Each structure stands twice: as structure tokens, then as C-alpha cells.
PDB file of all heavy atoms in Angstrom:
ATOM      1  N   TRP A   1      98.785 114.510 103.394  1.00  0.00           N
ATOM      2  CA  TRP A   1      98.851 115.827 102.759  1.00  0.00           C
ATOM      3  C   TRP A   1      98.515 115.651 101.280  1.00  0.00           C
ATOM      4  O   TRP A   1      99.041 114.756 100.608  1.00  0.00           O
ATOM      5  CB  TRP A   1     100.244 116.441 102.898  1.00  0.00           C
ATOM      6  CG  TRP A   1     100.565 116.939 104.261  1.00  0.00           C
ATOM      7  CD1 TRP A   1     101.278 116.298 105.237  1.00  0.00           C
ATOM      8  CD2 TRP A   1     100.205 118.207 104.809  1.00  0.00           C
ATOM      9  NE1 TRP A   1     101.354 117.072 106.350  1.00  0.00           N
ATOM     10  CE2 TRP A   1     100.708 118.267 106.121  1.00  0.00           C
ATOM     11  CE3 TRP A   1      99.486 119.310 104.332  1.00  0.00           C
ATOM     12  CZ2 TRP A   1     100.537 119.367 106.956  1.00  0.00           C
ATOM     13  CZ3 TRP A   1      99.314 120.410 105.153  1.00  0.00           C
ATOM     14  CH2 TRP A   1      99.831 120.427 106.443  1.00  0.00           C
ATOM     15  N   PHE A   2      97.649 116.513 100.819  1.00  0.00           N
ATOM     16  CA  PHE A   2      97.268 116.553  99.417  1.00  0.00           C
ATOM     17  C   PHE A   2      97.523 117.958  98.890  1.00  0.00           C
ATOM     18  O   PHE A   2      97.671 118.896  99.674  1.00  0.00           O
ATOM     19  CB  PHE A   2      95.779 116.208  99.248  1.00  0.00           C
ATOM     20  CG  PHE A   2      95.443 114.774  99.590  1.00  0.00           C
ATOM     21  CD1 PHE A   2      95.364 114.353 100.905  1.00  0.00           C
ATOM     22  CD2 PHE A   2      95.202 113.852  98.588  1.00  0.00           C
ATOM     23  CE1 PHE A   2      95.059 113.032 101.227  1.00  0.00           C
ATOM     24  CE2 PHE A   2      94.884 112.533  98.890  1.00  0.00           C
ATOM     25  CZ  PHE A   2      94.816 112.128 100.207  1.00  0.00           C
ATOM     26  N   ARG A   3      97.540 118.111  97.582  1.00  0.00           N
ATOM     27  CA  ARG A   3      97.680 119.448  97.010  1.00  0.00           C
ATOM     28  C   ARG A   3      96.857 119.554  95.735  1.00  0.00           C
ATOM     29  O   ARG A   3      96.602 118.548  95.051  1.00  0.00           O
ATOM     30  CB  ARG A   3      99.135 119.784  96.729  1.00  0.00           C
ATOM     31  CG  ARG A   3      99.782 118.968  95.636  1.00  0.00           C
ATOM     32  CD  ARG A   3     101.268 119.303  95.533  1.00  0.00           C
ATOM     33  NE  ARG A   3     101.931 118.557  94.469  1.00  0.00           N
ATOM     34  CZ  ARG A   3     103.251 118.561  94.275  1.00  0.00           C
ATOM     35  NH1 ARG A   3     104.053 119.283  95.080  1.00  0.00           N
ATOM     36  NH2 ARG A   3     103.779 117.874  93.285  1.00  0.00           N
ATOM     37  N   GLN A   4      96.470 120.784  95.439  1.00  0.00           N
ATOM     38  CA  GLN A   4      95.714 121.043  94.225  1.00  0.00           C
ATOM     39  C   GLN A   4      96.225 122.322  93.594  1.00  0.00           C
ATOM     40  O   GLN A   4      96.087 123.402  94.169  1.00  0.00           O
ATOM     41  CB  GLN A   4      94.218 121.151  94.512  1.00  0.00           C
ATOM     42  CG  GLN A   4      93.374 121.264  93.262  1.00  0.00           C
ATOM     43  CD  GLN A   4      91.896 121.105  93.549  1.00  0.00           C
ATOM     44  OE1 GLN A   4      91.428 121.303  94.669  1.00  0.00           O
ATOM     45  NE2 GLN A   4      91.128 120.728  92.532  1.00  0.00           N
ATOM     46  N   ALA A   5      96.818 122.166  92.425  1.00  0.00           N
ATOM     47  CA  ALA A   5      97.275 123.314  91.664  1.00  0.00           C
ATOM     48  C   ALA A   5      96.117 123.832  90.810  1.00  0.00           C
ATOM     49  O   ALA A   5      95.179 123.096  90.492  1.00  0.00           O
ATOM     50  CB  ALA A   5      98.446 122.919  90.779  1.00  0.00           C
ATOM     51  N   ALA A   6      96.185 125.087  90.458  1.00  0.00           N
ATOM     52  CA  ALA A   6      95.125 125.706  89.663  1.00  0.00           C
ATOM     53  C   ALA A   6      94.900 124.931  88.371  1.00  0.00           C
ATOM     54  O   ALA A   6      95.851 124.648  87.635  1.00  0.00           O
ATOM     55  CB  ALA A   6      95.490 127.154  89.350  1.00  0.00           C
ATOM     56  N   GLY A   7      93.660 124.558  88.138  1.00  0.00           N
ATOM     57  CA  GLY A   7      93.311 123.843  86.922  1.00  0.00           C
ATOM     58  C   GLY A   7      93.572 122.354  86.955  1.00  0.00           C
ATOM     59  O   GLY A   7      93.307 121.653  85.973  1.00  0.00           O
ATOM     60  N   ASN A   8      94.099 121.866  88.070  1.00  0.00           N
ATOM     61  CA  ASN A   8      94.418 120.440  88.197  1.00  0.00           C
ATOM     62  C   ASN A   8      93.554 119.771  89.248  1.00  0.00           C
ATOM     63  O   ASN A   8      92.957 120.434  90.102  1.00  0.00           O
ATOM     64  CB  ASN A   8      95.890 120.253  88.573  1.00  0.00           C
ATOM     65  CG  ASN A   8      96.828 120.612  87.451  1.00  0.00           C
ATOM     66  OD1 ASN A   8      96.402 120.962  86.350  1.00  0.00           O
ATOM     67  ND2 ASN A   8      98.117 120.547  87.722  1.00  0.00           N
ATOM     68  N   GLU A   9      93.504 118.451  89.196  1.00  0.00           N
ATOM     69  CA  GLU A   9      92.820 117.700  90.240  1.00  0.00           C
ATOM     70  C   GLU A   9      93.697 117.632  91.484  1.00  0.00           C
ATOM     71  O   GLU A   9      94.924 117.762  91.411  1.00  0.00           O
ATOM     72  CB  GLU A   9      92.503 116.283  89.745  1.00  0.00           C
ATOM     73  CG  GLU A   9      91.486 116.248  88.611  1.00  0.00           C
ATOM     74  CD  GLU A   9      91.079 114.835  88.262  1.00  0.00           C
ATOM     75  OE1 GLU A   9      91.680 113.891  88.787  1.00  0.00           O
ATOM     76  OE2 GLU A   9      90.152 114.681  87.437  1.00  0.00           O
ATOM     77  N   ARG A  10      93.046 117.411  92.600  1.00  0.00           N
ATOM     78  CA  ARG A  10      93.791 117.261  93.845  1.00  0.00           C
ATOM     79  C   ARG A  10      94.568 115.947  93.800  1.00  0.00           C
ATOM     80  O   ARG A  10      94.074 114.929  93.315  1.00  0.00           O
ATOM     81  CB  ARG A  10      92.835 117.287  95.033  1.00  0.00           C
ATOM     82  CG  ARG A  10      93.528 117.382  96.376  1.00  0.00           C
ATOM     83  CD  ARG A  10      92.617 117.950  97.435  1.00  0.00           C
ATOM     84  NE  ARG A  10      91.360 117.262  97.589  1.00  0.00           N
ATOM     85  CZ  ARG A  10      90.365 117.682  98.357  1.00  0.00           C
ATOM     86  NH1 ARG A  10      90.482 118.808  99.032  1.00  0.00           N
ATOM     87  NH2 ARG A  10      89.256 116.987  98.439  1.00  0.00           N
ATOM     88  N   GLU A  11      95.791 115.970  94.310  1.00  0.00           N
ATOM     89  CA  GLU A  11      96.645 114.783  94.293  1.00  0.00           C
ATOM     90  C   GLU A  11      97.255 114.550  95.663  1.00  0.00           C
ATOM     91  O   GLU A  11      97.466 115.474  96.445  1.00  0.00           O
ATOM     92  CB  GLU A  11      97.757 114.943  93.256  1.00  0.00           C
ATOM     93  CG  GLU A  11      98.715 116.077  93.533  1.00  0.00           C
ATOM     94  CD  GLU A  11      99.861 116.161  92.528  1.00  0.00           C
ATOM     95  OE1 GLU A  11      99.976 115.289  91.655  1.00  0.00           O
ATOM     96  OE2 GLU A  11     100.653 117.118  92.633  1.00  0.00           O
ATOM     97  N   SER A  12      97.542 113.285  95.912  1.00  0.00           N
ATOM     98  CA  SER A  12      98.188 112.909  97.161  1.00  0.00           C
ATOM     99  C   SER A  12      99.663 113.271  97.114  1.00  0.00           C
ATOM    100  O   SER A  12     100.331 113.055  96.101  1.00  0.00           O
ATOM    101  CB  SER A  12      98.024 111.409  97.396  1.00  0.00           C
ATOM    102  OG  SER A  12      98.722 111.002  98.541  1.00  0.00           O
ATOM    103  N   VAL A  13     100.168 113.805  98.203  1.00  0.00           N
ATOM    104  CA  VAL A  13     101.580 114.180  98.313  1.00  0.00           C
ATOM    105  C   VAL A  13     102.318 113.228  99.247  1.00  0.00           C
ATOM    106  O   VAL A  13     103.374 112.703  98.909  1.00  0.00           O
ATOM    107  CB  VAL A  13     101.716 115.624  98.819  1.00  0.00           C
ATOM    108  CG1 VAL A  13     103.181 115.977  99.058  1.00  0.00           C
ATOM    109  CG2 VAL A  13     101.076 116.597  97.835  1.00  0.00           C
ATOM    110  N   ALA A  14     101.751 113.010 100.437  1.00  0.00           N
ATOM    111  CA  ALA A  14     102.403 112.177 101.436  1.00  0.00           C
ATOM    112  C   ALA A  14     101.369 111.709 102.446  1.00  0.00           C
ATOM    113  O   ALA A  14     100.317 112.332 102.600  1.00  0.00           O
ATOM    114  CB  ALA A  14     103.515 112.944 102.148  1.00  0.00           C
ATOM    115  N   ALA A  15     101.693 110.623 103.135  1.00  0.00           N
ATOM    116  CA  ALA A  15     100.814 110.118 104.182  1.00  0.00           C
ATOM    117  C   ALA A  15     101.658 109.431 105.234  1.00  0.00           C
ATOM    118  O   ALA A  15     102.774 108.968 104.951  1.00  0.00           O
ATOM    119  CB  ALA A  15      99.777 109.153 103.610  1.00  0.00           C
ATOM    120  N   ILE A  16     101.105 109.349 106.446  1.00  0.00           N
ATOM    121  CA  ILE A  16     101.835 108.726 107.550  1.00  0.00           C
ATOM    122  C   ILE A  16     100.867 107.949 108.413  1.00  0.00           C
ATOM    123  O   ILE A  16      99.750 108.396 108.687  1.00  0.00           O
ATOM    124  CB  ILE A  16     102.594 109.795 108.372  1.00  0.00           C
ATOM    125  CG1 ILE A  16     103.499 109.150 109.412  1.00  0.00           C
ATOM    126  CG2 ILE A  16     101.639 110.799 109.005  1.00  0.00           C
ATOM    127  CD1 ILE A  16     104.507 110.129 110.027  1.00  0.00           C
ATOM    128  N   SER A  17     101.283 106.748 108.823  1.00  0.00           N
ATOM    129  CA  SER A  17     100.451 105.934 109.690  1.00  0.00           C
ATOM    130  C   SER A  17     100.338 106.559 111.065  1.00  0.00           C
ATOM    131  O   SER A  17     101.124 107.442 111.433  1.00  0.00           O
ATOM    132  CB  SER A  17     101.062 104.535 109.808  1.00  0.00           C
ATOM    133  OG  SER A  17     102.335 104.602 110.420  1.00  0.00           O
ATOM    134  N   TRP A  18      99.353 106.080 111.852  1.00  0.00           N
ATOM    135  CA  TRP A  18      99.171 106.731 113.156  1.00  0.00           C
ATOM    136  C   TRP A  18     100.355 106.474 114.082  1.00  0.00           C
ATOM    137  O   TRP A  18     100.656 107.270 114.957  1.00  0.00           O
ATOM    138  CB  TRP A  18      97.850 106.338 113.804  1.00  0.00           C
ATOM    139  CG  TRP A  18      97.678 104.917 114.294  1.00  0.00           C
ATOM    140  CD1 TRP A  18      96.929 103.940 113.705  1.00  0.00           C
ATOM    141  CD2 TRP A  18      98.218 104.330 115.492  1.00  0.00           C
ATOM    142  NE1 TRP A  18      96.974 102.791 114.438  1.00  0.00           N
ATOM    143  CE2 TRP A  18      97.757 102.995 115.560  1.00  0.00           C
ATOM    144  CE3 TRP A  18      99.046 104.789 116.516  1.00  0.00           C
ATOM    145  CZ2 TRP A  18      98.090 102.134 116.589  1.00  0.00           C
ATOM    146  CZ3 TRP A  18      99.381 103.930 117.555  1.00  0.00           C
ATOM    147  CH2 TRP A  18      98.906 102.630 117.575  1.00  0.00           C
ATOM    148  N   SER A  19     101.074 105.358 113.857  1.00  0.00           N
ATOM    149  CA  SER A  19     102.248 105.076 114.676  1.00  0.00           C
ATOM    150  C   SER A  19     103.459 105.892 114.225  1.00  0.00           C
ATOM    151  O   SER A  19     104.452 105.993 114.945  1.00  0.00           O
ATOM    152  CB  SER A  19     102.592 103.595 114.590  1.00  0.00           C
ATOM    153  OG  SER A  19     103.034 103.265 113.284  1.00  0.00           O
ATOM    154  N   GLY A  20     103.387 106.431 113.002  1.00  0.00           N
ATOM    155  CA  GLY A  20     104.535 107.137 112.446  1.00  0.00           C
ATOM    156  C   GLY A  20     105.541 106.222 111.791  1.00  0.00           C
ATOM    157  O   GLY A  20     106.523 106.685 111.205  1.00  0.00           O
ATOM    158  N   GLY A  21     105.297 104.918 111.869  1.00  0.00           N
ATOM    159  CA  GLY A  21     106.272 103.962 111.360  1.00  0.00           C
ATOM    160  C   GLY A  21     106.207 103.711 109.872  1.00  0.00           C
ATOM    161  O   GLY A  21     107.144 103.165 109.291  1.00  0.00           O
ATOM    162  N   SER A  22     105.112 104.093 109.240  1.00  0.00           N
ATOM    163  CA  SER A  22     104.962 103.891 107.795  1.00  0.00           C
ATOM    164  C   SER A  22     104.634 105.217 107.134  1.00  0.00           C
ATOM    165  O   SER A  22     103.829 105.985 107.649  1.00  0.00           O
ATOM    166  CB  SER A  22     103.848 102.889 107.509  1.00  0.00           C
ATOM    167  OG  SER A  22     104.157 101.622 108.035  1.00  0.00           O
ATOM    168  N   THR A  23     105.262 105.438 105.996  1.00  0.00           N
ATOM    169  CA  THR A  23     105.012 106.670 105.245  1.00  0.00           C
ATOM    170  C   THR A  23     104.843 106.365 103.771  1.00  0.00           C
ATOM    171  O   THR A  23     105.296 105.327 103.272  1.00  0.00           O
ATOM    172  CB  THR A  23     106.149 107.683 105.401  1.00  0.00           C
ATOM    173  OG1 THR A  23     107.380 107.076 105.021  1.00  0.00           O
ATOM    174  CG2 THR A  23     106.249 108.195 106.835  1.00  0.00           C
ATOM    175  N   TYR A  24     104.196 107.273 103.105  1.00  0.00           N
ATOM    176  CA  TYR A  24     104.012 107.210 101.655  1.00  0.00           C
ATOM    177  C   TYR A  24     104.370 108.580 101.070  1.00  0.00           C
ATOM    178  O   TYR A  24     104.062 109.609 101.687  1.00  0.00           O
ATOM    179  CB  TYR A  24     102.553 106.881 101.300  1.00  0.00           C
ATOM    180  CG  TYR A  24     102.198 107.299  99.890  1.00  0.00           C
ATOM    181  CD1 TYR A  24     102.488 106.487  98.802  1.00  0.00           C
ATOM    182  CD2 TYR A  24     101.631 108.545  99.642  1.00  0.00           C
ATOM    183  CE1 TYR A  24     102.206 106.888  97.511  1.00  0.00           C
ATOM    184  CE2 TYR A  24     101.342 108.959  98.352  1.00  0.00           C
ATOM    185  CZ  TYR A  24     101.629 108.121  97.288  1.00  0.00           C
ATOM    186  OH  TYR A  24     101.358 108.524  96.003  1.00  0.00           O
ATOM    187  N   TYR A  25     105.042 108.556  99.914  1.00  0.00           N
ATOM    188  CA  TYR A  25     105.339 109.797  99.210  1.00  0.00           C
ATOM    189  C   TYR A  25     105.027 109.634  97.726  1.00  0.00           C
ATOM    190  O   TYR A  25     105.324 108.579  97.133  1.00  0.00           O
ATOM    191  CB  TYR A  25     106.815 110.177  99.355  1.00  0.00           C
ATOM    192  CG  TYR A  25     107.221 110.518 100.757  1.00  0.00           C
ATOM    193  CD1 TYR A  25     107.829 109.575 101.578  1.00  0.00           C
ATOM    194  CD2 TYR A  25     106.992 111.800 101.279  1.00  0.00           C
ATOM    195  CE1 TYR A  25     108.198 109.883 102.879  1.00  0.00           C
ATOM    196  CE2 TYR A  25     107.361 112.119 102.574  1.00  0.00           C
ATOM    197  CZ  TYR A  25     107.952 111.149 103.362  1.00  0.00           C
ATOM    198  OH  TYR A  25     108.315 111.458 104.649  1.00  0.00           O
ATOM    199  N   ALA A  26     104.469 110.655  97.144  1.00  0.00           N
ATOM    200  CA  ALA A  26     104.325 110.671  95.694  1.00  0.00           C
ATOM    201  C   ALA A  26     105.719 110.737  95.068  1.00  0.00           C
ATOM    202  O   ALA A  26     106.644 111.311  95.656  1.00  0.00           O
ATOM    203  CB  ALA A  26     103.497 111.879  95.269  1.00  0.00           C
ATOM    204  N   ASP A  27     105.862 110.152  93.906  1.00  0.00           N
ATOM    205  CA  ASP A  27     107.161 110.124  93.241  1.00  0.00           C
ATOM    206  C   ASP A  27     107.709 111.538  93.031  1.00  0.00           C
ATOM    207  O   ASP A  27     108.927 111.755  93.101  1.00  0.00           O
ATOM    208  CB  ASP A  27     107.051 109.416  91.893  1.00  0.00           C
ATOM    209  CG  ASP A  27     106.879 107.919  92.035  1.00  0.00           C
ATOM    210  OD1 ASP A  27     107.160 107.384  93.130  1.00  0.00           O
ATOM    211  OD2 ASP A  27     106.459 107.277  91.064  1.00  0.00           O
ATOM    212  N   SER A  28     106.835 112.480  92.796  1.00  0.00           N
ATOM    213  CA  SER A  28     107.260 113.845  92.485  1.00  0.00           C
ATOM    214  C   SER A  28     107.902 114.562  93.662  1.00  0.00           C
ATOM    215  O   SER A  28     108.576 115.584  93.471  1.00  0.00           O
ATOM    216  CB  SER A  28     106.067 114.662  91.981  1.00  0.00           C
ATOM    217  OG  SER A  28     105.039 114.686  92.950  1.00  0.00           O
ATOM    218  N   VAL A  29     107.716 114.039  94.879  1.00  0.00           N
ATOM    219  CA  VAL A  29     108.263 114.727  96.059  1.00  0.00           C
ATOM    220  C   VAL A  29     109.244 113.874  96.843  1.00  0.00           C
ATOM    221  O   VAL A  29     109.837 114.352  97.819  1.00  0.00           O
ATOM    222  CB  VAL A  29     107.135 115.204  97.002  1.00  0.00           C
ATOM    223  CG1 VAL A  29     106.122 116.051  96.245  1.00  0.00           C
ATOM    224  CG2 VAL A  29     106.457 114.039  97.706  1.00  0.00           C
ATOM    225  N   LYS A  30     109.448 112.640  96.436  1.00  0.00           N
ATOM    226  CA  LYS A  30     110.373 111.756  97.151  1.00  0.00           C
ATOM    227  C   LYS A  30     111.760 112.369  97.210  1.00  0.00           C
ATOM    228  O   LYS A  30     112.276 112.869  96.209  1.00  0.00           O
ATOM    229  CB  LYS A  30     110.439 110.393  96.461  1.00  0.00           C
ATOM    230  CG  LYS A  30     109.301 109.467  96.804  1.00  0.00           C
ATOM    231  CD  LYS A  30     109.459 108.118  96.116  1.00  0.00           C
ATOM    232  CE  LYS A  30     108.287 107.224  96.434  1.00  0.00           C
ATOM    233  NZ  LYS A  30     108.366 105.935  95.683  1.00  0.00           N
ATOM    234  N   GLY A  31     112.355 112.316  98.387  1.00  0.00           N
ATOM    235  CA  GLY A  31     113.694 112.863  98.580  1.00  0.00           C
ATOM    236  C   GLY A  31     113.710 114.352  98.872  1.00  0.00           C
ATOM    237  O   GLY A  31     114.755 114.898  99.236  1.00  0.00           O
ATOM    238  N   ARG A  32     112.566 115.017  98.704  1.00  0.00           N
ATOM    239  CA  ARG A  32     112.496 116.465  98.969  1.00  0.00           C
ATOM    240  C   ARG A  32     111.552 116.787 100.134  1.00  0.00           C
ATOM    241  O   ARG A  32     111.799 117.734 100.885  1.00  0.00           O
ATOM    242  CB  ARG A  32     112.008 117.197  97.723  1.00  0.00           C
ATOM    243  CG  ARG A  32     112.911 117.022  96.506  1.00  0.00           C
ATOM    244  CD  ARG A  32     112.488 117.940  95.366  1.00  0.00           C
ATOM    245  NE  ARG A  32     111.129 117.664  94.893  1.00  0.00           N
ATOM    246  CZ  ARG A  32     110.158 118.567  94.875  1.00  0.00           C
ATOM    247  NH1 ARG A  32     110.364 119.797  95.324  1.00  0.00           N
ATOM    248  NH2 ARG A  32     108.954 118.237  94.418  1.00  0.00           N
ATOM    249  N   PHE A  33     110.478 116.040 100.258  1.00  0.00           N
ATOM    250  CA  PHE A  33     109.477 116.295 101.298  1.00  0.00           C
ATOM    251  C   PHE A  33     109.566 115.213 102.367  1.00  0.00           C
ATOM    252  O   PHE A  33     109.868 114.054 102.071  1.00  0.00           O
ATOM    253  CB  PHE A  33     108.067 116.276 100.717  1.00  0.00           C
ATOM    254  CG  PHE A  33     107.718 117.431  99.825  1.00  0.00           C
ATOM    255  CD1 PHE A  33     108.684 118.317  99.359  1.00  0.00           C
ATOM    256  CD2 PHE A  33     106.408 117.636  99.439  1.00  0.00           C
ATOM    257  CE1 PHE A  33     108.358 119.373  98.531  1.00  0.00           C
ATOM    258  CE2 PHE A  33     106.043 118.684  98.611  1.00  0.00           C
ATOM    259  CZ  PHE A  33     107.030 119.552  98.158  1.00  0.00           C
ATOM    260  N   THR A  34     109.277 115.609 103.608  1.00  0.00           N
ATOM    261  CA  THR A  34     109.236 114.659 104.718  1.00  0.00           C
ATOM    262  C   THR A  34     107.989 114.913 105.545  1.00  0.00           C
ATOM    263  O   THR A  34     107.755 116.039 105.991  1.00  0.00           O
ATOM    264  CB  THR A  34     110.470 114.802 105.614  1.00  0.00           C
ATOM    265  OG1 THR A  34     111.661 114.595 104.833  1.00  0.00           O
ATOM    266  CG2 THR A  34     110.436 113.777 106.746  1.00  0.00           C
ATOM    267  N   ILE A  35     107.220 113.857 105.748  1.00  0.00           N
ATOM    268  CA  ILE A  35     106.035 113.941 106.604  1.00  0.00           C
ATOM    269  C   ILE A  35     106.381 113.369 107.968  1.00  0.00           C
ATOM    270  O   ILE A  35     107.114 112.378 108.069  1.00  0.00           O
ATOM    271  CB  ILE A  35     104.832 113.204 105.970  1.00  0.00           C
ATOM    272  CG1 ILE A  35     103.549 113.479 106.761  1.00  0.00           C
ATOM    273  CG2 ILE A  35     105.108 111.707 105.828  1.00  0.00           C
ATOM    274  CD1 ILE A  35     102.288 112.958 106.077  1.00  0.00           C
ATOM    275  N   SER A  36     105.883 113.983 109.005  1.00  0.00           N
ATOM    276  CA  SER A  36     106.101 113.503 110.371  1.00  0.00           C
ATOM    277  C   SER A  36     104.905 113.898 111.211  1.00  0.00           C
ATOM    278  O   SER A  36     104.060 114.687 110.788  1.00  0.00           O
ATOM    279  CB  SER A  36     107.395 114.077 110.948  1.00  0.00           C
ATOM    280  OG  SER A  36     107.326 115.495 111.019  1.00  0.00           O
ATOM    281  N   ARG A  37     104.829 113.327 112.402  1.00  0.00           N
ATOM    282  CA  ARG A  37     103.716 113.651 113.288  1.00  0.00           C
ATOM    283  C   ARG A  37     104.169 113.604 114.728  1.00  0.00           C
ATOM    284  O   ARG A  37     105.096 112.868 115.089  1.00  0.00           O
ATOM    285  CB  ARG A  37     102.538 112.705 113.059  1.00  0.00           C
ATOM    286  CG  ARG A  37     102.780 111.259 113.427  1.00  0.00           C
ATOM    287  CD  ARG A  37     101.648 110.371 112.941  1.00  0.00           C
ATOM    288  NE  ARG A  37     100.386 110.686 113.586  1.00  0.00           N
ATOM    289  CZ  ARG A  37      99.199 110.298 113.114  1.00  0.00           C
ATOM    290  NH1 ARG A  37      99.125 109.613 111.982  1.00  0.00           N
ATOM    291  NH2 ARG A  37      98.091 110.600 113.766  1.00  0.00           N
ATOM    292  N   ASP A  38     103.485 114.373 115.542  1.00  0.00           N
ATOM    293  CA  ASP A  38     103.711 114.389 116.983  1.00  0.00           C
ATOM    294  C   ASP A  38     102.344 114.154 117.614  1.00  0.00           C
ATOM    295  O   ASP A  38     101.537 115.086 117.721  1.00  0.00           O
ATOM    296  CB  ASP A  38     104.313 115.723 117.418  1.00  0.00           C
ATOM    297  CG  ASP A  38     104.680 115.750 118.880  1.00  0.00           C
ATOM    298  OD1 ASP A  38     104.107 114.953 119.659  1.00  0.00           O
ATOM    299  OD2 ASP A  38     105.523 116.566 119.260  1.00  0.00           O
ATOM    300  N   ASN A  39     102.086 112.915 118.008  1.00  0.00           N
ATOM    301  CA  ASN A  39     100.763 112.591 118.539  1.00  0.00           C
ATOM    302  C   ASN A  39     100.485 113.291 119.869  1.00  0.00           C
ATOM    303  O   ASN A  39      99.330 113.550 120.211  1.00  0.00           O
ATOM    304  CB  ASN A  39     100.610 111.070 118.683  1.00  0.00           C
ATOM    305  CG  ASN A  39     100.470 110.386 117.333  1.00  0.00           C
ATOM    306  OD1 ASN A  39     100.169 111.006 116.321  1.00  0.00           O
ATOM    307  ND2 ASN A  39     100.717 109.078 117.314  1.00  0.00           N
ATOM    308  N   ALA A  40     101.522 113.586 120.611  1.00  0.00           N
ATOM    309  CA  ALA A  40     101.327 114.304 121.883  1.00  0.00           C
ATOM    310  C   ALA A  40     100.829 115.724 121.646  1.00  0.00           C
ATOM    311  O   ALA A  40     100.139 116.295 122.491  1.00  0.00           O
ATOM    312  CB  ALA A  40     102.627 114.333 122.673  1.00  0.00           C
ATOM    313  N   LYS A  41     101.186 116.281 120.481  1.00  0.00           N
ATOM    314  CA  LYS A  41     100.756 117.638 120.138  1.00  0.00           C
ATOM    315  C   LYS A  41      99.613 117.660 119.149  1.00  0.00           C
ATOM    316  O   LYS A  41      99.195 118.731 118.698  1.00  0.00           O
ATOM    317  CB  LYS A  41     101.937 118.431 119.579  1.00  0.00           C
ATOM    318  CG  LYS A  41     103.056 118.659 120.565  1.00  0.00           C
ATOM    319  CD  LYS A  41     104.171 119.512 119.947  1.00  0.00           C
ATOM    320  CE  LYS A  41     105.273 119.776 120.963  1.00  0.00           C
ATOM    321  NZ  LYS A  41     106.364 120.605 120.391  1.00  0.00           N
TER     322      LYS A  41
END
């Protein structure tokens, strides 16, 4: 997931491996945002 605010460059927010076992969060969203995936869906 990335985001772009008006007048700003696009930035990375979060990422998740295809297994779901590894995640990445930008410092600005750690503890507030959660990324997840359902490969069956």
C-alpha cells in the first residue's frame, strides 16, 4: 500500500510478503495500521 497526499510524492505505507509471514510498515503508521491478505480471496 502506498499513499500520495496533495503536493507530495507517493510514499510507501505497508507491504506484505506473499506468504503473509513478513510485513513492512512506514514509521508514521506503525502501531496504527495493519496489512493482511487472504490469498484464497
